[in-house]
Amino acid sequence: MTQPLVRFPLRGEIWWTHFPTDPPDKGNRPVVIVSADGRNCQPRANTILVIPLSTSIHKSRPADLFLRSGETGLRLDSVAQADNVSTVRKDQLVEPVLGHRPLTNTQICRLAGLVRVAMGCVE
């Protein structure tokens, strides 16, 4: 008997999840996968590192990366909230919607710099 093909999230992709800190009535929200693919594709690693996206762009903060809808394939412009970097279980992720575009390596590295900003590690 063959095993079903497992789709691992890849760095830069936009997936969907519900955070335990979100209100129960709030649906899944988009997140960008920021952990390295070596970890993401490891079958024994059951968690993954993500940064949530928000459409509340009018509340932009210093650790937010603005993303136009045309860059991401999402319906609305959004911000990646680097100060909310989180670990989520892989089995809590919902696969990307057709048409979502992954963030570039440059954007992911910019987010890493914004995590430093959020931690007060600015030189």
PDB file of N, CA and C in Angstrom:
ATOM      1  N   MET A   1       0.846  -1.175   0.000  1.00  0.00           N
ATOM      2  CA  MET A   1       0.000   0.000   0.000  1.00  0.00           C
ATOM      3  C   MET A   1       0.894   1.241   0.000  1.00  0.00           C
ATOM      4  N   THR A   2       0.550   2.234  -0.805  1.00  0.00           N
ATOM      5  CA  THR A   2       1.360   3.443  -0.874  1.00  0.00           C
ATOM      6  C   THR A   2       0.866   4.476   0.126  1.00  0.00           C
ATOM      7  N   GLN A   3       1.799   5.288   0.603  1.00  0.00           N
ATOM      8  CA  GLN A   3       1.481   6.383   1.516  1.00  0.00           C
ATOM      9  C   GLN A   3       0.911   7.549   0.706  1.00  0.00           C
ATOM     10  N   PRO A   4      -0.054   8.296   1.262  1.00  0.00           N
ATOM     11  CA  PRO A   4      -0.532   9.487   0.552  1.00  0.00           C
ATOM     12  C   PRO A   4       0.576  10.531   0.486  1.00  0.00           C
ATOM     13  N   LEU A   5       0.600  11.281  -0.612  1.00  0.00           N
ATOM     14  CA  LEU A   5       1.596  12.330  -0.769  1.00  0.00           C
ATOM     15  C   LEU A   5       1.324  13.430   0.246  1.00  0.00           C
ATOM     16  N   VAL A   6       2.340  13.781   1.015  1.00  0.00           N
ATOM     17  CA  VAL A   6       2.216  14.827   2.023  1.00  0.00           C
ATOM     18  C   VAL A   6       2.803  16.103   1.450  1.00  0.00           C
ATOM     19  N   ARG A   7       2.048  17.168   1.517  1.00  0.00           N
ATOM     20  CA  ARG A   7       2.495  18.480   1.015  1.00  0.00           C
ATOM     21  C   ARG A   7       3.066  19.254   2.182  1.00  0.00           C
ATOM     22  N   PHE A   8       4.366  19.493   2.149  1.00  0.00           N
ATOM     23  CA  PHE A   8       5.011  20.267   3.201  1.00  0.00           C
ATOM     24  C   PHE A   8       4.982  21.749   2.832  1.00  0.00           C
ATOM     25  N   PRO A   9       4.757  22.622   3.808  1.00  0.00           N
ATOM     26  CA  PRO A   9       4.834  24.053   3.536  1.00  0.00           C
ATOM     27  C   PRO A   9       6.276  24.443   3.239  1.00  0.00           C
ATOM     28  N   LEU A  10       6.443  25.370   2.324  1.00  0.00           N
ATOM     29  CA  LEU A  10       7.776  25.826   1.954  1.00  0.00           C
ATOM     30  C   LEU A  10       7.981  27.273   2.374  1.00  0.00           C
ATOM     31  N   ARG A  11       9.214  27.606   2.669  1.00  0.00           N
ATOM     32  CA  ARG A  11       9.576  28.962   3.103  1.00  0.00           C
ATOM     33  C   ARG A  11       9.070  29.989   2.090  1.00  0.00           C
ATOM     34  N   GLY A  12       8.392  31.006   2.605  1.00  0.00           N
ATOM     35  CA  GLY A  12       7.867  32.071   1.758  1.00  0.00           C
ATOM     36  C   GLY A  12       6.413  31.877   1.343  1.00  0.00           C
ATOM     37  N   GLU A  13       5.906  30.642   1.425  1.00  0.00           N
ATOM     38  CA  GLU A  13       4.521  30.392   1.021  1.00  0.00           C
ATOM     39  C   GLU A  13       3.531  30.974   2.028  1.00  0.00           C
ATOM     40  N   ILE A  14       2.358  31.302   1.539  1.00  0.00           N
ATOM     41  CA  ILE A  14       1.277  31.799   2.394  1.00  0.00           C
ATOM     42  C   ILE A  14       0.292  30.656   2.606  1.00  0.00           C
ATOM     43  N   TRP A  15       0.168  30.235   3.860  1.00  0.00           N
ATOM     44  CA  TRP A  15      -0.774  29.205   4.260  1.00  0.00           C
ATOM     45  C   TRP A  15      -1.796  29.864   5.182  1.00  0.00           C
ATOM     46  N   TRP A  16      -2.710  29.086   5.739  1.00  0.00           N
ATOM     47  CA  TRP A  16      -3.767  29.606   6.612  1.00  0.00           C
ATOM     48  C   TRP A  16      -3.793  28.803   7.898  1.00  0.00           C
ATOM     49  N   THR A  17      -4.101  29.468   9.005  1.00  0.00           N
ATOM     50  CA  THR A  17      -4.226  28.788  10.295  1.00  0.00           C
ATOM     51  C   THR A  17      -5.078  29.624  11.238  1.00  0.00           C
ATOM     52  N   HIS A  18      -5.454  29.023  12.325  1.00  0.00           N
ATOM     53  CA  HIS A  18      -6.174  29.727  13.400  1.00  0.00           C
ATOM     54  C   HIS A  18      -5.283  29.660  14.631  1.00  0.00           C
ATOM     55  N   PHE A  19      -4.963  30.836  15.178  1.00  0.00           N
ATOM     56  CA  PHE A  19      -4.115  30.886  16.371  1.00  0.00           C
ATOM     57  C   PHE A  19      -4.966  30.697  17.622  1.00  0.00           C
ATOM     58  N   PRO A  20      -4.429  30.021  18.628  1.00  0.00           N
ATOM     59  CA  PRO A  20      -5.172  29.840  19.882  1.00  0.00           C
ATOM     60  C   PRO A  20      -5.530  31.173  20.538  1.00  0.00           C
ATOM     61  N   THR A  21      -4.765  32.220  20.261  1.00  0.00           N
ATOM     62  CA  THR A  21      -5.042  33.537  20.852  1.00  0.00           C
ATOM     63  C   THR A  21      -6.110  34.318  20.091  1.00  0.00           C
ATOM     64  N   ASP A  22      -6.494  33.830  18.909  1.00  0.00           N
ATOM     65  CA  ASP A  22      -7.558  34.493  18.140  1.00  0.00           C
ATOM     66  C   ASP A  22      -8.913  34.188  18.768  1.00  0.00           C
ATOM     67  N   PRO A  23      -9.871  35.100  18.633  1.00  0.00           N
ATOM     68  CA  PRO A  23     -11.227  34.811  19.114  1.00  0.00           C
ATOM     69  C   PRO A  23     -11.779  33.567  18.416  1.00  0.00           C
ATOM     70  N   PRO A  24     -12.594  32.772  19.119  1.00  0.00           N
ATOM     71  CA  PRO A  24     -13.109  31.532  18.533  1.00  0.00           C
ATOM     72  C   PRO A  24     -13.894  31.748  17.239  1.00  0.00           C
ATOM     73  N   ASP A  25     -14.571  32.900  17.128  1.00  0.00           N
ATOM     74  CA  ASP A  25     -15.385  33.145  15.936  1.00  0.00           C
ATOM     75  C   ASP A  25     -14.567  33.658  14.748  1.00  0.00           C
ATOM     76  N   LYS A  26     -13.293  33.955  14.974  1.00  0.00           N
ATOM     77  CA  LYS A  26     -12.444  34.413  13.877  1.00  0.00           C
ATOM     78  C   LYS A  26     -11.993  33.210  13.066  1.00  0.00           C
ATOM     79  N   GLY A  27     -12.109  33.305  11.768  1.00  0.00           N
ATOM     80  CA  GLY A  27     -11.706  32.196  10.900  1.00  0.00           C
ATOM     81  C   GLY A  27     -10.198  32.082  10.794  1.00  0.00           C
ATOM     82  N   ASN A  28      -9.770  31.241   9.891  1.00  0.00           N
ATOM     83  CA  ASN A  28      -8.341  31.090   9.646  1.00  0.00           C
ATOM     84  C   ASN A  28      -7.774  32.387   9.082  1.00  0.00           C
ATOM     85  N   ARG A  29      -6.540  32.647   9.399  1.00  0.00           N
ATOM     86  CA  ARG A  29      -5.865  33.840   8.887  1.00  0.00           C
ATOM     87  C   ARG A  29      -4.639  33.414   8.103  1.00  0.00           C
ATOM     88  N   PRO A  30      -4.212  34.251   7.149  1.00  0.00           N
ATOM     89  CA  PRO A  30      -3.017  33.901   6.380  1.00  0.00           C
ATOM     90  C   PRO A  30      -1.746  34.120   7.193  1.00  0.00           C
ATOM     91  N   VAL A  31      -0.788  33.245   6.950  1.00  0.00           N
ATOM     92  CA  VAL A  31       0.532  33.345   7.569  1.00  0.00           C
ATOM     93  C   VAL A  31       1.574  33.061   6.498  1.00  0.00           C
ATOM     94  N   VAL A  32       2.733  33.658   6.655  1.00  0.00           N
ATOM     95  CA  VAL A  32       3.836  33.350   5.753  1.00  0.00           C
ATOM     96  C   VAL A  32       4.801  32.413   6.485  1.00  0.00           C
ATOM     97  N   ILE A  33       5.205  31.366   5.800  1.00  0.00           N
ATOM     98  CA  ILE A  33       6.130  30.384   6.368  1.00  0.00           C
ATOM     99  C   ILE A  33       7.537  30.996   6.320  1.00  0.00           C
ATOM    100  N   VAL A  34       8.202  31.070   7.478  1.00  0.00           N
ATOM    101  CA  VAL A  34       9.530  31.687   7.524  1.00  0.00           C
ATOM    102  C   VAL A  34      10.632  30.733   7.969  1.00  0.00           C
ATOM    103  N   SER A  35      10.295  29.551   8.451  1.00  0.00           N
ATOM    104  CA  SER A  35      11.353  28.606   8.828  1.00  0.00           C
ATOM    105  C   SER A  35      11.974  27.997   7.571  1.00  0.00           C
ATOM    106  N   ALA A  36      13.191  27.496   7.731  1.00  0.00           N
ATOM    107  CA  ALA A  36      13.946  26.932   6.612  1.00  0.00           C
ATOM    108  C   ALA A  36      13.299  25.643   6.105  1.00  0.00           C
ATOM    109  N   ASP A  37      13.412  25.411   4.797  1.00  0.00           N
ATOM    110  CA  ASP A  37      12.791  24.228   4.203  1.00  0.00           C
ATOM    111  C   ASP A  37      13.339  22.919   4.756  1.00  0.00           C
ATOM    112  N   GLY A  38      14.593  22.930   5.198  1.00  0.00           N
ATOM    113  CA  GLY A  38      15.136  21.718   5.817  1.00  0.00           C
ATOM    114  C   GLY A  38      14.299  21.280   7.003  1.00  0.00           C
ATOM    115  N   ARG A  39      13.818  22.229   7.771  1.00  0.00           N
ATOM    116  CA  ARG A  39      12.927  21.933   8.896  1.00  0.00           C
ATOM    117  C   ARG A  39      11.509  21.683   8.412  1.00  0.00           C
ATOM    118  N   ASN A  40      11.042  22.526   7.497  1.00  0.00           N
ATOM    119  CA  ASN A  40       9.665  22.418   7.027  1.00  0.00           C
ATOM    120  C   ASN A  40       9.367  21.052   6.415  1.00  0.00           C
ATOM    121  N   CYS A  41      10.340  20.480   5.720  1.00  0.00           N
ATOM    122  CA  CYS A  41      10.129  19.209   5.018  1.00  0.00           C
ATOM    123  C   CYS A  41      10.531  17.999   5.847  1.00  0.00           C
ATOM    124  N   GLN A  42      10.987  18.217   7.073  1.00  0.00           N
ATOM    125  CA  GLN A  42      11.369  17.118   7.964  1.00  0.00           C
ATOM    126  C   GLN A  42      10.097  16.481   8.523  1.00  0.00           C
ATOM    127  N   PRO A  43       9.813  15.231   8.171  1.00  0.00           N
ATOM    128  CA  PRO A  43       8.570  14.593   8.632  1.00  0.00           C
ATOM    129  C   PRO A  43       8.438  14.515  10.155  1.00  0.00           C
ATOM    130  N   ARG A  44       9.559  14.448  10.878  1.00  0.00           N
ATOM    131  CA  ARG A  44       9.468  14.338  12.343  1.00  0.00           C
ATOM    132  C   ARG A  44       9.286  15.678  13.032  1.00  0.00           C
ATOM    133  N   ALA A  45       9.525  16.774  12.319  1.00  0.00           N
ATOM    134  CA  ALA A  45       9.312  18.109  12.901  1.00  0.00           C
ATOM    135  C   ALA A  45       7.828  18.428  12.768  1.00  0.00           C
ATOM    136  N   ASN A  46       7.137  18.553  13.890  1.00  0.00           N
ATOM    137  CA  ASN A  46       5.685  18.764  13.816  1.00  0.00           C
ATOM    138  C   ASN A  46       5.275  20.225  13.961  1.00  0.00           C
ATOM    139  N   THR A  47       6.267  21.131  14.091  1.00  0.00           N
ATOM    140  CA  THR A  47       5.948  22.558  14.169  1.00  0.00           C
ATOM    141  C   THR A  47       6.693  23.307  13.083  1.00  0.00           C
ATOM    142  N   ILE A  48       6.233  24.522  12.854  1.00  0.00           N
ATOM    143  CA  ILE A  48       6.800  25.363  11.807  1.00  0.00           C
ATOM    144  C   ILE A  48       6.747  26.811  12.279  1.00  0.00           C
ATOM    145  N   LEU A  49       7.658  27.625  11.798  1.00  0.00           N
ATOM    146  CA  LEU A  49       7.734  29.030  12.194  1.00  0.00           C
ATOM    147  C   LEU A  49       7.005  29.889  11.155  1.00  0.00           C
ATOM    148  N   VAL A  50       6.086  30.734  11.635  1.00  0.00           N
ATOM    149  CA  VAL A  50       5.265  31.557  10.740  1.00  0.00           C
ATOM    150  C   VAL A  50       5.195  32.995  11.243  1.00  0.00           C
ATOM    151  N   ILE A  51       4.849  33.886  10.330  1.00  0.00           N
ATOM    152  CA  ILE A  51       4.536  35.272  10.677  1.00  0.00           C
ATOM    153  C   ILE A  51       3.139  35.556  10.139  1.00  0.00           C
ATOM    154  N   PRO A  52       2.222  36.008  11.009  1.00  0.00           N
ATOM    155  CA  PRO A  52       0.845  36.266  10.558  1.00  0.00           C
ATOM    156  C   PRO A  52       0.759  37.504   9.672  1.00  0.00           C
ATOM    157  N   LEU A  53      -0.217  37.480   8.782  1.00  0.00           N
ATOM    158  CA  LEU A  53      -0.534  38.621   7.931  1.00  0.00           C
ATOM    159  C   LEU A  53      -1.826  39.240   8.423  1.00  0.00           C
ATOM    160  N   SER A  54      -1.925  40.546   8.297  1.00  0.00           N
ATOM    161  CA  SER A  54      -3.115  41.268   8.736  1.00  0.00           C
ATOM    162  C   SER A  54      -3.492  42.298   7.684  1.00  0.00           C
ATOM    163  N   THR A  55      -4.793  42.520   7.524  1.00  0.00           N
ATOM    164  CA  THR A  55      -5.258  43.561   6.611  1.00  0.00           C
ATOM    165  C   THR A  55      -5.451  44.885   7.339  1.00  0.00           C
ATOM    166  N   SER A  56      -5.135  44.928   8.617  1.00  0.00           N
ATOM    167  CA  SER A  56      -5.225  46.180   9.389  1.00  0.00           C
ATOM    168  C   SER A  56      -3.992  47.032   9.106  1.00  0.00           C
ATOM    169  N   ILE A  57      -3.867  47.481   7.867  1.00  0.00           N
ATOM    170  CA  ILE A  57      -2.665  48.225   7.473  1.00  0.00           C
ATOM    171  C   ILE A  57      -2.666  49.647   8.016  1.00  0.00           C
ATOM    172  N   HIS A  58      -3.828  50.145   8.415  1.00  0.00           N
ATOM    173  CA  HIS A  58      -3.892  51.502   8.987  1.00  0.00           C
ATOM    174  C   HIS A  58      -3.301  51.551  10.392  1.00  0.00           C
ATOM    175  N   LYS A  59      -3.051  50.385  10.987  1.00  0.00           N
ATOM    176  CA  LYS A  59      -2.458  50.312  12.326  1.00  0.00           C
ATOM    177  C   LYS A  59      -0.992  49.878  12.235  1.00  0.00           C
ATOM    178  N   SER A  60      -0.364  50.161  11.119  1.00  0.00           N
ATOM    179  CA  SER A  60       0.993  49.702  10.870  1.00  0.00           C
ATOM    180  C   SER A  60       1.945  50.105  11.996  1.00  0.00           C
ATOM    181  N   ARG A  61       2.825  49.153  12.352  1.00  0.00           N
ATOM    182  CA  ARG A  61       3.799  49.337  13.428  1.00  0.00           C
ATOM    183  C   ARG A  61       5.211  49.185  12.871  1.00  0.00           C
ATOM    184  N   PRO A  62       6.238  49.560  13.636  1.00  0.00           N
ATOM    185  CA  PRO A  62       7.614  49.503  13.118  1.00  0.00           C
ATOM    186  C   PRO A  62       8.063  48.116  12.640  1.00  0.00           C
ATOM    187  N   ALA A  63       7.521  47.051  13.191  1.00  0.00           N
ATOM    188  CA  ALA A  63       7.939  45.699  12.804  1.00  0.00           C
ATOM    189  C   ALA A  63       7.021  45.078  11.756  1.00  0.00           C
ATOM    190  N   ASP A  64       6.230  45.905  11.059  1.00  0.00           N
ATOM    191  CA  ASP A  64       5.336  45.416   9.999  1.00  0.00           C
ATOM    192  C   ASP A  64       5.985  45.594   8.633  1.00  0.00           C
ATOM    193  N   LEU A  65       5.809  44.599   7.774  1.00  0.00           N
ATOM    194  CA  LEU A  65       6.256  44.684   6.388  1.00  0.00           C
ATOM    195  C   LEU A  65       5.021  44.793   5.510  1.00  0.00           C
ATOM    196  N   PHE A  66       4.866  45.918   4.819  1.00  0.00           N
ATOM    197  CA  PHE A  66       3.708  46.143   3.958  1.00  0.00           C
ATOM    198  C   PHE A  66       3.814  45.275   2.711  1.00  0.00           C
ATOM    199  N   LEU A  67       2.713  44.613   2.361  1.00  0.00           N
ATOM    200  CA  LEU A  67       2.659  43.738   1.184  1.00  0.00           C
ATOM    201  C   LEU A  67       1.433  44.099   0.349  1.00  0.00           C
ATOM    202  N   ARG A  68       1.644  44.451  -0.886  1.00  0.00           N
ATOM    203  CA  ARG A  68       0.522  44.751  -1.784  1.00  0.00           C
ATOM    204  C   ARG A  68      -0.152  43.453  -2.210  1.00  0.00           C
ATOM    205  N   SER A  69      -1.448  43.533  -2.429  1.00  0.00           N
ATOM    206  CA  SER A  69      -2.203  42.336  -2.831  1.00  0.00           C
ATOM    207  C   SER A  69      -1.627  41.719  -4.102  1.00  0.00           C
ATOM    208  N   GLY A  70      -1.126  42.545  -5.011  1.00  0.00           N
ATOM    209  CA  GLY A  70      -0.531  42.035  -6.246  1.00  0.00           C
ATOM    210  C   GLY A  70       0.724  41.212  -6.018  1.00  0.00           C
ATOM    211  N   GLU A  71       1.416  41.463  -4.907  1.00  0.00           N
ATOM    212  CA  GLU A  71       2.626  40.698  -4.572  1.00  0.00           C
ATOM    213  C   GLU A  71       2.282  39.327  -4.004  1.00  0.00           C
ATOM    214  N   THR A  72       1.200  39.272  -3.250  1.00  0.00           N
ATOM    215  CA  THR A  72       0.869  38.058  -2.499  1.00  0.00           C
ATOM    216  C   THR A  72      -0.213  37.196  -3.145  1.00  0.00           C
ATOM    217  N   GLY A  73      -1.052  37.819  -3.972  1.00  0.00           N
ATOM    218  CA  GLY A  73      -2.198  37.103  -4.519  1.00  0.00           C
ATOM    219  C   GLY A  73      -3.388  37.104  -3.579  1.00  0.00           C
ATOM    220  N   LEU A  74      -3.264  37.755  -2.410  1.00  0.00           N
ATOM    221  CA  LEU A  74      -4.388  37.885  -1.490  1.00  0.00           C
ATOM    222  C   LEU A  74      -5.337  38.954  -2.024  1.00  0.00           C
ATOM    223  N   ARG A  75      -6.580  38.953  -1.577  1.00  0.00           N
ATOM    224  CA  ARG A  75      -7.567  39.920  -2.058  1.00  0.00           C
ATOM    225  C   ARG A  75      -7.236  41.355  -1.677  1.00  0.00           C
ATOM    226  N   LEU A  76      -6.631  41.554  -0.504  1.00  0.00           N
ATOM    227  CA  LEU A  76      -6.378  42.894   0.016  1.00  0.00           C
ATOM    228  C   LEU A  76      -4.898  43.086   0.332  1.00  0.00           C
ATOM    229  N   ASP A  77      -4.470  44.347   0.350  1.00  0.00           N
ATOM    230  CA  ASP A  77      -3.130  44.658   0.854  1.00  0.00           C
ATOM    231  C   ASP A  77      -3.047  44.188   2.302  1.00  0.00           C
ATOM    232  N   SER A  78      -1.848  43.880   2.760  1.00  0.00           N
ATOM    233  CA  SER A  78      -1.694  43.385   4.131  1.00  0.00           C
ATOM    234  C   SER A  78      -0.327  43.783   4.673  1.00  0.00           C
ATOM    235  N   VAL A  79      -0.132  43.497   5.946  1.00  0.00           N
ATOM    236  CA  VAL A  79       1.176  43.635   6.577  1.00  0.00           C
ATOM    237  C   VAL A  79       1.545  42.306   7.216  1.00  0.00           C
ATOM    238  N   ALA A  80       2.834  41.970   7.099  1.00  0.00           N
ATOM    239  CA  ALA A  80       3.373  40.820   7.819  1.00  0.00           C
ATOM    240  C   ALA A  80       3.844  41.349   9.163  1.00  0.00           C
ATOM    241  N   GLN A  81       3.310  40.783  10.246  1.00  0.00           N
ATOM    242  CA  GLN A  81       3.570  41.283  11.596  1.00  0.00           C
ATOM    243  C   GLN A  81       4.748  40.545  12.234  1.00  0.00           C
ATOM    244  N   ALA A  82       5.962  41.048  11.960  1.00  0.00           N
ATOM    245  CA  ALA A  82       7.167  40.381  12.442  1.00  0.00           C
ATOM    246  C   ALA A  82       7.241  40.322  13.962  1.00  0.00           C
ATOM    247  N   ASP A  83       6.517  41.206  14.660  1.00  0.00           N
ATOM    248  CA  ASP A  83       6.530  41.151  16.126  1.00  0.00           C
ATOM    249  C   ASP A  83       5.593  40.076  16.662  1.00  0.00           C
ATOM    250  N   ASN A  84       4.931  39.347  15.770  1.00  0.00           N
ATOM    251  CA  ASN A  84       4.055  38.239  16.172  1.00  0.00           C
ATOM    252  C   ASN A  84       4.543  36.909  15.620  1.00  0.00           C
ATOM    253  N   VAL A  85       5.847  36.783  15.378  1.00  0.00           N
ATOM    254  CA  VAL A  85       6.389  35.527  14.879  1.00  0.00           C
ATOM    255  C   VAL A  85       5.960  34.407  15.835  1.00  0.00           C
ATOM    256  N   SER A  86       5.500  33.287  15.270  1.00  0.00           N
ATOM    257  CA  SER A  86       4.910  32.221  16.087  1.00  0.00           C
ATOM    258  C   SER A  86       5.316  30.850  15.577  1.00  0.00           C
ATOM    259  N   THR A  87       5.200  29.883  16.449  1.00  0.00           N
ATOM    260  CA  THR A  87       5.361  28.490  16.086  1.00  0.00           C
ATOM    261  C   THR A  87       3.975  27.860  16.071  1.00  0.00           C
ATOM    262  N   VAL A  88       3.650  27.167  14.986  1.00  0.00           N
ATOM    263  CA  VAL A  88       2.369  26.478  14.897  1.00  0.00           C
ATOM    264  C   VAL A  88       2.610  25.024  14.491  1.00  0.00           C
ATOM    265  N   ARG A  89       1.665  24.191  14.835  1.00  0.00           N
ATOM    266  CA  ARG A  89       1.751  22.791  14.441  1.00  0.00           C
ATOM    267  C   ARG A  89       1.443  22.670  12.953  1.00  0.00           C
ATOM    268  N   LYS A  90       2.196  21.834  12.267  1.00  0.00           N
ATOM    269  CA  LYS A  90       1.967  21.634  10.834  1.00  0.00           C
ATOM    270  C   LYS A  90       0.547  21.155  10.559  1.00  0.00           C
ATOM    271  N   ASP A  91       0.015  20.319  11.452  1.00  0.00           N
ATOM    272  CA  ASP A  91      -1.331  19.790  11.204  1.00  0.00           C
ATOM    273  C   ASP A  91      -2.428  20.837  11.418  1.00  0.00           C
ATOM    274  N   GLN A  92      -2.053  22.035  11.862  1.00  0.00           N
ATOM    275  CA  GLN A  92      -3.013  23.127  12.008  1.00  0.00           C
ATOM    276  C   GLN A  92      -3.018  24.054  10.783  1.00  0.00           C
ATOM    277  N   LEU A  93      -2.143  23.782   9.827  1.00  0.00           N
ATOM    278  CA  LEU A  93      -2.043  24.611   8.633  1.00  0.00           C
ATOM    279  C   LEU A  93      -3.004  24.134   7.552  1.00  0.00           C
ATOM    280  N   VAL A  94      -3.584  25.095   6.850  1.00  0.00           N
ATOM    281  CA  VAL A  94      -4.448  24.821   5.703  1.00  0.00           C
ATOM    282  C   VAL A  94      -3.687  25.277   4.466  1.00  0.00           C
ATOM    283  N   GLU A  95      -3.650  24.416   3.446  1.00  0.00           N
ATOM    284  CA  GLU A  95      -2.866  24.698   2.242  1.00  0.00           C
ATOM    285  C   GLU A  95      -3.234  26.023   1.590  1.00  0.00           C
ATOM    286  N   PRO A  96      -2.266  26.595   0.865  1.00  0.00           N
ATOM    287  CA  PRO A  96      -2.508  27.880   0.203  1.00  0.00           C
ATOM    288  C   PRO A  96      -3.640  27.794  -0.816  1.00  0.00           C
ATOM    289  N   VAL A  97      -4.261  28.931  -1.027  1.00  0.00           N
ATOM    290  CA  VAL A  97      -5.298  29.052  -2.039  1.00  0.00           C
ATOM    291  C   VAL A  97      -4.603  29.247  -3.385  1.00  0.00           C
ATOM    292  N   LEU A  98      -5.189  28.693  -4.433  1.00  0.00           N
ATOM    293  CA  LEU A  98      -4.644  28.865  -5.771  1.00  0.00           C
ATOM    294  C   LEU A  98      -4.520  30.354  -6.082  1.00  0.00           C
ATOM    295  N   GLY A  99      -3.371  30.766  -6.553  1.00  0.00           N
ATOM    296  CA  GLY A  99      -3.145  32.172  -6.874  1.00  0.00           C
ATOM    297  C   GLY A  99      -2.312  32.920  -5.849  1.00  0.00           C
ATOM    298  N   HIS A 100      -2.107  32.327  -4.665  1.00  0.00           N
ATOM    299  CA  HIS A 100      -1.217  32.964  -3.694  1.00  0.00           C
ATOM    300  C   HIS A 100       0.207  32.897  -4.229  1.00  0.00           C
ATOM    301  N   ARG A 101       0.936  33.962  -4.017  1.00  0.00           N
ATOM    302  CA  ARG A 101       2.324  34.013  -4.464  1.00  0.00           C
ATOM    303  C   ARG A 101       3.240  34.016  -3.247  1.00  0.00           C
ATOM    304  N   PRO A 102       4.291  33.213  -3.270  1.00  0.00           N
ATOM    305  CA  PRO A 102       5.209  33.204  -2.135  1.00  0.00           C
ATOM    306  C   PRO A 102       5.997  34.496  -2.038  1.00  0.00           C
ATOM    307  N   LEU A 103       6.401  34.837  -0.823  1.00  0.00           N
ATOM    308  CA  LEU A 103       7.288  35.968  -0.607  1.00  0.00           C
ATOM    309  C   LEU A 103       8.681  35.588  -1.086  1.00  0.00           C
ATOM    310  N   THR A 104       9.437  36.576  -1.491  1.00  0.00           N
ATOM    311  CA  THR A 104      10.798  36.335  -1.979  1.00  0.00           C
ATOM    312  C   THR A 104      11.756  36.146  -0.804  1.00  0.00           C
ATOM    313  N   ASN A 105      12.937  35.641  -1.110  1.00  0.00           N
ATOM    314  CA  ASN A 105      13.968  35.510  -0.082  1.00  0.00           C
ATOM    315  C   ASN A 105      14.305  36.871   0.508  1.00  0.00           C
ATOM    316  N   THR A 106      14.336  37.903  -0.326  1.00  0.00           N
ATOM    317  CA  THR A 106      14.621  39.264   0.155  1.00  0.00           C
ATOM    318  C   THR A 106      13.566  39.703   1.160  1.00  0.00           C
ATOM    319  N   GLN A 107      12.296  39.433   0.876  1.00  0.00           N
ATOM    320  CA  GLN A 107      11.226  39.806   1.802  1.00  0.00           C
ATOM    321  C   GLN A 107      11.324  39.026   3.107  1.00  0.00           C
ATOM    322  N   ILE A 108      11.643  37.735   3.031  1.00  0.00           N
ATOM    323  CA  ILE A 108      11.791  36.916   4.245  1.00  0.00           C
ATOM    324  C   ILE A 108      12.947  37.451   5.087  1.00  0.00           C
ATOM    325  N   CYS A 109      14.049  37.777   4.451  1.00  0.00           N
ATOM    326  CA  CYS A 109      15.196  38.315   5.202  1.00  0.00           C
ATOM    327  C   CYS A 109      14.870  39.688   5.776  1.00  0.00           C
ATOM    328  N   ARG A 110      14.061  40.481   5.086  1.00  0.00           N
ATOM    329  CA  ARG A 110      13.622  41.771   5.633  1.00  0.00           C
ATOM    330  C   ARG A 110      12.769  41.512   6.883  1.00  0.00           C
ATOM    331  N   LEU A 111      11.928  40.488   6.853  1.00  0.00           N
ATOM    332  CA  LEU A 111      11.133  40.134   8.039  1.00  0.00           C
ATOM    333  C   LEU A 111      12.039  39.740   9.198  1.00  0.00           C
ATOM    334  N   ALA A 112      13.105  38.993   8.914  1.00  0.00           N
ATOM    335  CA  ALA A 112      14.048  38.612   9.976  1.00  0.00           C
ATOM    336  C   ALA A 112      14.635  39.860  10.631  1.00  0.00           C
ATOM    337  N   GLY A 113      14.951  40.868   9.822  1.00  0.00           N
ATOM    338  CA  GLY A 113      15.443  42.133  10.374  1.00  0.00           C
ATOM    339  C   GLY A 113      14.388  42.826  11.218  1.00  0.00           C
ATOM    340  N   LEU A 114      13.128  42.723  10.800  1.00  0.00           N
ATOM    341  CA  LEU A 114      12.038  43.345  11.563  1.00  0.00           C
ATOM    342  C   LEU A 114      11.780  42.615  12.883  1.00  0.00           C
ATOM    343  N   VAL A 115      12.066  41.315  12.943  1.00  0.00           N
ATOM    344  CA  VAL A 115      11.989  40.594  14.218  1.00  0.00           C
ATOM    345  C   VAL A 115      13.025  41.188  15.170  1.00  0.00           C
ATOM    346  N   ARG A 116      14.199  41.507  14.659  1.00  0.00           N
ATOM    347  CA  ARG A 116      15.240  42.160  15.486  1.00  0.00           C
ATOM    348  C   ARG A 116      14.737  43.506  15.995  1.00  0.00           C
ATOM    349  N   VAL A 117      14.035  44.262  15.136  1.00  0.00           N
ATOM    350  CA  VAL A 117      13.462  45.548  15.542  1.00  0.00           C
ATOM    351  C   VAL A 117      12.467  45.323  16.679  1.00  0.00           C
ATOM    352  N   ALA A 118      11.604  44.314  16.508  1.00  0.00           N
ATOM    353  CA  ALA A 118      10.590  44.010  17.527  1.00  0.00           C
ATOM    354  C   ALA A 118      11.219  43.630  18.862  1.00  0.00           C
ATOM    355  N   MET A 119      12.415  43.050  18.823  1.00  0.00           N
ATOM    356  CA  MET A 119      13.107  42.644  20.041  1.00  0.00           C
ATOM    357  C   MET A 119      13.981  43.746  20.616  1.00  0.00           C
ATOM    358  N   GLY A 120      14.036  44.895  19.929  1.00  0.00           N
ATOM    359  CA  GLY A 120      14.867  45.991  20.415  1.00  0.00           C
ATOM    360  C   GLY A 120      16.347  45.784  20.152  1.00  0.00           C
ATOM    361  N   CYS A 121      16.685  44.980  19.145  1.00  0.00           N
ATOM    362  CA  CYS A 121      18.082  44.678  18.829  1.00  0.00           C
ATOM    363  C   CYS A 121      18.596  45.495  17.652  1.00  0.00           C
ATOM    364  N   VAL A 122      18.217  46.751  17.609  1.00  0.00           N
ATOM    365  CA  VAL A 122      18.623  47.629  16.517  1.00  0.00           C
ATOM    366  C   VAL A 122      19.978  48.235  16.856  1.00  0.00           C
ATOM    367  N   GLU A 123      20.890  48.148  15.921  1.00  0.00           N
ATOM    368  CA  GLU A 123      22.249  48.680  16.166  1.00  0.00           C
ATOM    369  C   GLU A 123      22.360  50.072  15.598  1.00  0.00           C
TER     370      GLU A 123
END
